[in-house]
N, C-alpha and C. Protein backbone atom coordinates (compact mmCIF):
# COMPACT_ATOMS: atom_id res chain seq x y z
N MET A 1 6.27 28.84 -20.46
CA MET A 1 5.90 28.92 -19.49
C MET A 1 4.38 27.46 -20.00
N MET A 2 4.47 26.44 -19.27
CA MET A 2 3.65 25.28 -19.63
C MET A 2 2.46 25.64 -19.13
N ASP A 3 1.43 25.19 -20.10
CA ASP A 3 -0.37 25.82 -19.64
C ASP A 3 -0.17 24.22 -18.56
N SER A 4 -1.38 24.37 -18.12
CA SER A 4 -1.94 23.78 -17.22
C SER A 4 -2.17 22.07 -17.56
N TYR A 5 -2.57 22.21 -19.21
CA TYR A 5 -2.67 20.57 -20.00
C TYR A 5 -1.43 20.13 -20.13
N THR A 6 -0.16 20.73 -20.22
CA THR A 6 0.92 20.06 -20.88
C THR A 6 1.28 19.65 -19.42
N SER A 7 1.47 20.59 -18.14
CA SER A 7 1.57 19.84 -17.03
C SER A 7 0.94 18.78 -16.16
N GLN A 8 0.08 18.95 -16.86
CA GLN A 8 -0.95 17.09 -15.57
C GLN A 8 -0.33 16.48 -16.57
N TYR A 9 0.00 16.48 -17.86
CA TYR A 9 1.06 15.16 -18.65
C TYR A 9 2.22 15.05 -18.16
N LEU A 10 2.85 16.07 -17.67
CA LEU A 10 3.99 15.63 -17.48
C LEU A 10 4.09 15.25 -16.33
N PHE A 11 3.10 15.64 -14.96
CA PHE A 11 2.98 14.97 -13.84
C PHE A 11 3.05 13.64 -14.03
N VAL A 12 1.69 12.81 -14.90
CA VAL A 12 1.96 11.51 -15.44
C VAL A 12 2.99 10.98 -15.69
N ALA A 13 3.79 11.55 -16.70
CA ALA A 13 4.65 10.90 -17.18
C ALA A 13 5.74 10.50 -16.47
N VAL A 14 6.32 11.77 -15.29
CA VAL A 14 6.96 12.00 -14.30
C VAL A 14 6.52 10.39 -12.91
N PHE A 15 5.37 10.79 -12.86
CA PHE A 15 4.97 9.44 -11.87
C PHE A 15 5.06 7.84 -12.63
N LEU A 16 4.90 7.67 -13.80
CA LEU A 16 4.94 6.42 -14.63
C LEU A 16 6.56 6.15 -14.51
N ALA A 17 7.55 7.27 -15.22
CA ALA A 17 8.62 7.09 -14.72
C ALA A 17 9.36 6.38 -13.43
N VAL A 18 8.84 6.96 -12.28
CA VAL A 18 9.23 6.48 -11.10
C VAL A 18 8.78 5.25 -10.77
N ALA A 19 7.44 5.01 -11.04
CA ALA A 19 6.68 3.76 -11.07
C ALA A 19 7.17 2.65 -11.54
N VAL A 20 7.93 2.75 -12.65
CA VAL A 20 8.69 1.83 -13.43
C VAL A 20 10.43 1.61 -13.22
N GLY A 21 10.51 2.77 -12.78
CA GLY A 21 12.47 2.98 -12.18
C GLY A 21 12.27 2.45 -10.49
N PHE A 22 11.34 2.74 -10.24
CA PHE A 22 11.64 1.80 -8.42
C PHE A 22 11.61 0.74 -8.39
N PRO A 23 10.99 -0.10 -8.74
CA PRO A 23 11.20 -1.74 -8.66
C PRO A 23 12.57 -2.14 -9.63
N LEU A 24 12.72 -1.19 -10.60
CA LEU A 24 13.58 -1.72 -11.74
C LEU A 24 15.28 -1.59 -10.99
N ALA A 25 15.18 -0.38 -10.16
CA ALA A 25 16.46 0.02 -9.88
C ALA A 25 17.59 -1.16 -8.62
N PRO A 26 16.43 -1.65 -7.76
CA PRO A 26 17.47 -2.47 -7.08
C PRO A 26 17.52 -3.84 -8.15
N LEU A 27 16.61 -4.20 -8.96
CA LEU A 27 16.94 -5.66 -10.20
C LEU A 27 18.00 -5.28 -10.72
N VAL A 28 18.42 -3.93 -11.29
CA VAL A 28 19.25 -4.11 -12.15
C VAL A 28 20.56 -3.54 -11.33
N ILE A 29 20.83 -3.21 -10.14
CA ILE A 29 21.79 -2.72 -9.04
C ILE A 29 22.60 -4.25 -8.71
N ALA A 30 21.40 -5.07 -8.20
CA ALA A 30 21.86 -6.54 -8.07
C ALA A 30 22.69 -7.24 -9.16
N ARG A 31 21.83 -7.21 -10.42
CA ARG A 31 22.81 -7.82 -11.43
C ARG A 31 23.93 -7.45 -11.94
N LEU A 32 24.22 -6.45 -11.52
CA LEU A 32 25.62 -5.22 -11.89
C LEU A 32 26.22 -5.38 -10.62
N VAL A 33 26.00 -5.51 -9.13
CA VAL A 33 26.80 -5.83 -8.02
C VAL A 33 27.09 -7.39 -7.63
N ALA A 34 25.74 -7.80 -7.50
CA ALA A 34 26.38 -9.31 -6.90
C ALA A 34 26.84 -10.38 -7.50
N PRO A 35 27.74 -10.98 -6.99
CA PRO A 35 28.73 -12.13 -7.69
C PRO A 35 27.47 -13.13 -7.87
N ARG A 36 28.37 -14.08 -8.71
CA ARG A 36 27.67 -15.21 -9.76
C ARG A 36 28.59 -16.18 -9.63
N ARG A 37 28.06 -17.06 -8.86
CA ARG A 37 29.08 -18.32 -8.61
C ARG A 37 27.78 -19.68 -8.44
N PRO A 38 27.44 -19.57 -9.52
CA PRO A 38 26.00 -20.80 -9.62
C PRO A 38 26.96 -22.10 -9.27
N THR A 39 26.35 -23.24 -8.12
CA THR A 39 27.01 -24.19 -8.35
C THR A 39 25.85 -24.95 -8.21
N GLN A 40 25.91 -26.47 -8.10
CA GLN A 40 25.07 -27.46 -8.16
C GLN A 40 23.72 -27.40 -6.86
N THR A 41 24.58 -26.77 -5.50
CA THR A 41 23.62 -27.20 -4.29
C THR A 41 22.87 -25.53 -4.63
N LYS A 42 23.33 -24.59 -5.29
CA LYS A 42 22.44 -23.18 -5.23
C LYS A 42 21.14 -23.68 -6.43
N ASN A 43 21.80 -24.72 -7.06
CA ASN A 43 20.62 -24.68 -8.19
C ASN A 43 19.67 -25.42 -7.84
N ASP A 44 19.66 -26.77 -7.04
CA ASP A 44 19.21 -27.41 -6.44
C ASP A 44 17.38 -26.84 -5.95
N ILE A 45 16.80 -27.67 -6.39
CA ILE A 45 15.12 -27.60 -5.32
C ILE A 45 14.98 -27.20 -4.20
N TYR A 46 14.71 -26.41 -3.49
CA TYR A 46 14.62 -26.30 -2.00
C TYR A 46 13.18 -25.94 -1.72
N GLU A 47 12.48 -26.81 -0.66
CA GLU A 47 11.22 -26.48 -0.36
C GLU A 47 11.37 -26.82 1.31
N CYS A 48 11.08 -25.99 1.98
CA CYS A 48 10.91 -26.16 3.60
C CYS A 48 12.26 -27.10 4.10
N GLY A 49 13.14 -27.19 3.65
CA GLY A 49 14.39 -27.68 4.08
C GLY A 49 14.76 -28.81 3.82
N LEU A 50 13.90 -29.49 3.12
CA LEU A 50 13.82 -30.74 2.37
C LEU A 50 13.86 -30.81 1.05
N ALA A 51 14.48 -31.93 0.83
CA ALA A 51 14.49 -32.06 -0.78
C ALA A 51 13.41 -32.65 -1.14
N SER A 52 12.64 -32.06 -2.55
CA SER A 52 11.61 -32.77 -3.10
C SER A 52 11.40 -34.37 -3.76
N LYS A 53 10.66 -35.28 -3.18
CA LYS A 53 9.98 -36.43 -3.21
C LYS A 53 8.83 -36.60 -4.07
N GLY A 54 9.00 -37.17 -5.18
CA GLY A 54 8.08 -37.40 -5.98
C GLY A 54 7.49 -36.40 -7.23
N ASP A 55 6.09 -36.38 -7.68
CA ASP A 55 5.82 -35.26 -8.19
C ASP A 55 5.24 -34.16 -7.82
N ALA A 56 5.60 -33.01 -8.27
CA ALA A 56 4.91 -31.75 -7.52
C ALA A 56 3.38 -31.53 -7.63
N TRP A 57 2.82 -32.00 -9.02
CA TRP A 57 1.86 -31.74 -9.35
C TRP A 57 0.84 -32.31 -8.45
N LEU A 58 -0.18 -31.94 -7.62
CA LEU A 58 -0.96 -32.75 -6.98
C LEU A 58 -2.47 -32.10 -7.38
N GLN A 59 -3.68 -33.03 -7.48
CA GLN A 59 -5.03 -32.30 -7.72
C GLN A 59 -5.57 -32.69 -6.18
N PHE A 60 -6.25 -31.21 -6.18
CA PHE A 60 -7.23 -30.83 -4.95
C PHE A 60 -8.47 -31.26 -5.48
N ARG A 61 -9.39 -31.36 -4.10
CA ARG A 61 -10.79 -31.52 -4.79
C ARG A 61 -11.75 -30.47 -5.07
N VAL A 62 -12.34 -30.37 -5.55
CA VAL A 62 -13.44 -29.42 -6.25
C VAL A 62 -13.85 -28.50 -5.07
N GLY A 63 -13.81 -28.97 -4.13
CA GLY A 63 -14.22 -28.49 -2.45
C GLY A 63 -13.38 -27.30 -2.29
N TYR A 64 -12.11 -27.52 -2.33
CA TYR A 64 -11.59 -26.46 -1.70
C TYR A 64 -11.60 -25.27 -2.43
N TYR A 65 -11.70 -25.25 -4.16
CA TYR A 65 -11.90 -23.83 -4.59
C TYR A 65 -13.39 -23.64 -4.39
N ILE A 66 -14.26 -24.49 -4.54
CA ILE A 66 -15.56 -24.02 -3.95
C ILE A 66 -15.54 -22.99 -2.62
N TYR A 67 -15.33 -23.71 -1.55
CA TYR A 67 -14.88 -22.68 -0.23
C TYR A 67 -13.89 -21.58 -0.55
N ALA A 68 -13.56 -21.12 -1.60
CA ALA A 68 -12.01 -20.42 -2.05
C ALA A 68 -13.17 -19.24 -2.42
N LEU A 69 -13.97 -20.05 -3.58
CA LEU A 69 -14.67 -18.80 -4.27
C LEU A 69 -15.73 -18.37 -3.52
N ILE A 70 -16.11 -18.75 -2.56
CA ILE A 70 -17.40 -18.26 -1.56
C ILE A 70 -16.78 -17.59 -1.10
N TYR A 71 -15.25 -17.64 -0.23
CA TYR A 71 -14.76 -16.38 0.68
C TYR A 71 -14.41 -14.93 -0.36
N VAL A 72 -13.66 -15.48 -1.30
CA VAL A 72 -13.56 -14.07 -2.25
C VAL A 72 -15.30 -13.34 -2.49
N ILE A 73 -16.00 -13.86 -2.47
CA ILE A 73 -17.21 -13.62 -2.43
C ILE A 73 -17.65 -12.20 -1.83
N PHE A 74 -17.64 -12.93 -0.51
CA PHE A 74 -18.39 -12.61 0.66
C PHE A 74 -16.81 -11.41 1.19
N ALA A 75 -15.44 -11.77 0.58
CA ALA A 75 -14.31 -10.39 1.02
C ALA A 75 -14.75 -9.47 0.37
N VAL A 76 -15.56 -9.36 -0.43
CA VAL A 76 -15.53 -8.50 -1.74
C VAL A 76 -16.60 -7.90 -1.40
N GLU A 77 -18.18 -8.27 -0.96
CA GLU A 77 -19.17 -7.87 -0.35
C GLU A 77 -18.79 -6.79 0.73
N THR A 78 -17.74 -7.17 1.81
CA THR A 78 -16.91 -6.61 2.97
C THR A 78 -16.49 -5.28 2.52
N VAL A 79 -15.79 -5.26 1.11
CA VAL A 79 -14.95 -4.18 0.58
C VAL A 79 -16.18 -3.31 -0.05
N PHE A 80 -17.31 -3.75 -0.80
CA PHE A 80 -18.46 -2.71 -0.43
C PHE A 80 -19.25 -2.30 0.39
N LEU A 81 -19.39 -3.48 1.14
CA LEU A 81 -20.42 -3.12 2.68
C LEU A 81 -19.60 -1.87 3.35
N TYR A 82 -18.41 -2.11 3.45
CA TYR A 82 -17.59 -1.17 4.78
C TYR A 82 -17.75 0.60 4.13
N PRO A 83 -17.63 0.67 3.08
CA PRO A 83 -17.57 2.39 2.90
C PRO A 83 -18.84 3.00 2.91
N TRP A 84 -19.99 2.09 2.22
CA TRP A 84 -21.28 2.07 2.59
C TRP A 84 -21.90 2.42 3.91
N ALA A 85 -21.20 1.74 4.77
CA ALA A 85 -21.85 1.95 6.01
C ALA A 85 -21.25 3.14 6.81
N VAL A 86 -20.06 3.57 6.16
CA VAL A 86 -19.18 4.72 6.88
C VAL A 86 -20.17 5.89 6.17
N ALA A 87 -20.72 6.02 4.94
CA ALA A 87 -21.29 7.12 4.38
C ALA A 87 -23.05 6.90 4.42
N PHE A 88 -23.33 6.11 5.32
CA PHE A 88 -24.90 5.59 5.52
C PHE A 88 -25.75 6.93 5.80
N GLY A 89 -24.87 7.81 6.95
CA GLY A 89 -26.01 8.97 7.52
C GLY A 89 -26.38 10.03 6.14
N GLY A 90 -25.77 9.94 5.12
CA GLY A 90 -25.52 11.10 3.71
C GLY A 90 -26.26 10.23 3.22
N LEU A 91 -26.29 9.23 2.95
CA LEU A 91 -26.64 8.49 1.48
C LEU A 91 -28.47 8.54 1.72
N SER A 92 -28.98 8.47 0.31
CA SER A 92 -30.46 8.23 0.01
C SER A 92 -31.13 7.00 0.02
N PHE A 93 -32.58 6.78 -0.26
CA PHE A 93 -33.12 5.79 -0.04
C PHE A 93 -32.65 4.87 -0.97
N GLY A 94 -32.60 5.35 -2.34
CA GLY A 94 -32.05 4.70 -3.26
C GLY A 94 -30.62 4.24 -3.27
N ALA A 95 -29.56 4.65 -2.34
CA ALA A 95 -28.54 3.79 -2.21
C ALA A 95 -28.53 2.76 -1.35
N PHE A 96 -29.90 3.01 -0.44
CA PHE A 96 -30.30 2.26 0.73
C PHE A 96 -30.87 0.80 -0.17
N LEU A 97 -31.67 1.02 -1.22
CA LEU A 97 -32.29 0.30 -1.75
C LEU A 97 -31.26 -0.50 -2.68
N ALA A 98 -30.41 -0.19 -3.23
CA ALA A 98 -29.39 -0.47 -4.00
C ALA A 98 -28.34 -1.55 -3.13
N MET A 99 -28.36 -1.32 -2.09
CA MET A 99 -27.66 -1.81 -1.38
C MET A 99 -28.20 -3.17 -1.20
N MET A 100 -29.32 -3.18 -0.43
CA MET A 100 -30.07 -4.52 -0.07
C MET A 100 -30.29 -5.28 -1.48
N VAL A 101 -30.26 -4.65 -2.47
CA VAL A 101 -30.57 -5.61 -3.40
C VAL A 101 -29.18 -5.97 -3.57
N PHE A 102 -27.96 -5.80 -3.36
CA PHE A 102 -26.62 -6.06 -3.34
C PHE A 102 -26.85 -7.47 -2.58
N VAL A 103 -26.85 -7.32 -1.36
CA VAL A 103 -26.83 -8.24 -0.17
C VAL A 103 -27.57 -9.39 -0.53
N LEU A 104 -29.17 -8.89 -0.66
CA LEU A 104 -29.75 -10.08 -1.17
C LEU A 104 -29.43 -11.35 -2.07
N LEU A 105 -29.07 -10.24 -3.35
CA LEU A 105 -28.31 -11.80 -4.20
C LEU A 105 -26.94 -12.26 -3.76
N LEU A 106 -26.63 -11.69 -2.94
CA LEU A 106 -25.27 -12.46 -2.21
C LEU A 106 -25.84 -13.61 -1.00
N VAL A 107 -27.04 -13.11 -0.76
CA VAL A 107 -27.73 -14.30 0.48
C VAL A 107 -28.34 -14.88 -0.50
N GLU A 108 -28.74 -14.80 -1.75
CA GLU A 108 -29.32 -15.76 -2.57
C GLU A 108 -28.29 -16.76 -3.00
N GLY A 109 -27.12 -16.74 -3.34
CA GLY A 109 -25.98 -17.39 -3.72
C GLY A 109 -25.90 -17.71 -2.33
N LEU A 110 -25.66 -18.02 -1.62
CA LEU A 110 -25.25 -18.18 -0.33
C LEU A 110 -26.42 -19.59 -0.31
N VAL A 111 -27.46 -19.03 0.09
CA VAL A 111 -28.65 -19.97 -0.02
C VAL A 111 -28.59 -21.33 -0.59
N TYR A 112 -28.34 -20.74 -2.02
CA TYR A 112 -28.44 -21.49 -3.17
C TYR A 112 -27.08 -22.74 -3.05
N ALA A 113 -26.09 -22.08 -2.68
CA ALA A 113 -24.84 -23.10 -1.96
C ALA A 113 -25.06 -24.11 -1.18
N TRP A 114 -26.02 -23.51 -0.19
CA TRP A 114 -25.85 -24.39 1.01
C TRP A 114 -26.99 -25.74 0.84
N ALA A 115 -28.22 -25.15 -0.26
CA ALA A 115 -29.10 -26.08 -0.41
C ALA A 115 -28.45 -27.47 -0.88
N LYS A 116 -27.78 -26.90 -2.21
CA LYS A 116 -27.20 -27.79 -3.53
C LYS A 116 -25.91 -28.87 -2.58
N GLY A 117 -25.28 -28.35 -1.11
CA GLY A 117 -24.70 -28.74 -0.73
C GLY A 117 -23.40 -28.64 -0.40
N ALA A 118 -23.34 -27.73 -1.30
CA ALA A 118 -21.58 -26.71 -1.65
C ALA A 118 -20.87 -26.99 -0.39
N LEU A 119 -21.79 -26.34 0.77
CA LEU A 119 -20.81 -26.09 1.74
C LEU A 119 -20.83 -27.14 2.77
N ASP A 120 -21.06 -28.65 2.46
CA ASP A 120 -20.91 -29.78 3.48
C ASP A 120 -19.68 -30.31 3.11
N TRP A 121 -18.87 -30.50 4.09
CA TRP A 121 -17.29 -31.19 3.82
C TRP A 121 -17.46 -32.57 4.25
N LYS A 122 -17.06 -33.29 2.87
CA LYS A 122 -16.83 -34.17 3.11
C LYS A 122 -15.43 -34.96 2.88
N SER A 123 -15.53 -36.11 3.48
CA SER A 123 -14.07 -36.25 3.24
C SER A 123 -14.00 -37.63 2.73
C-alpha cells in the first residue's frame, strides 16, 4: 500500500501527464491522419481574404503602448480589488489600509501620467 506522501506525487505526475497529453494528442492524430498535399495556393500568405501588399513591418506611435500599459495596470488593479471587496466584511483594518495604499499608488501614477500629458491624444 502506498503511503500518503507517495500518492500525492503520483497525483501530480498523473496530472502533469494529462496536462501534456491533452494538447499533444490532437496534434499527433492530425499529423497521422490529415492528408498532405501542399500547393502554391495553400502556402500563400493570406490575410482577410486579400493578398498582402507592401511591407508587413509597421511602426506604431508610442501613445498606443502607453494607453495599453495604463489599461493593463488598471485591469490588474481590478483583479486585486474584486476579491478584496467580496471579503471586505471579514478583513481587518490593516487589510483596508494596505488596499488604500495600493489604490493611492495607482491613483498617483494616473495623476502623474495625466500631468505629463501622456493621456492627451495627439494626431
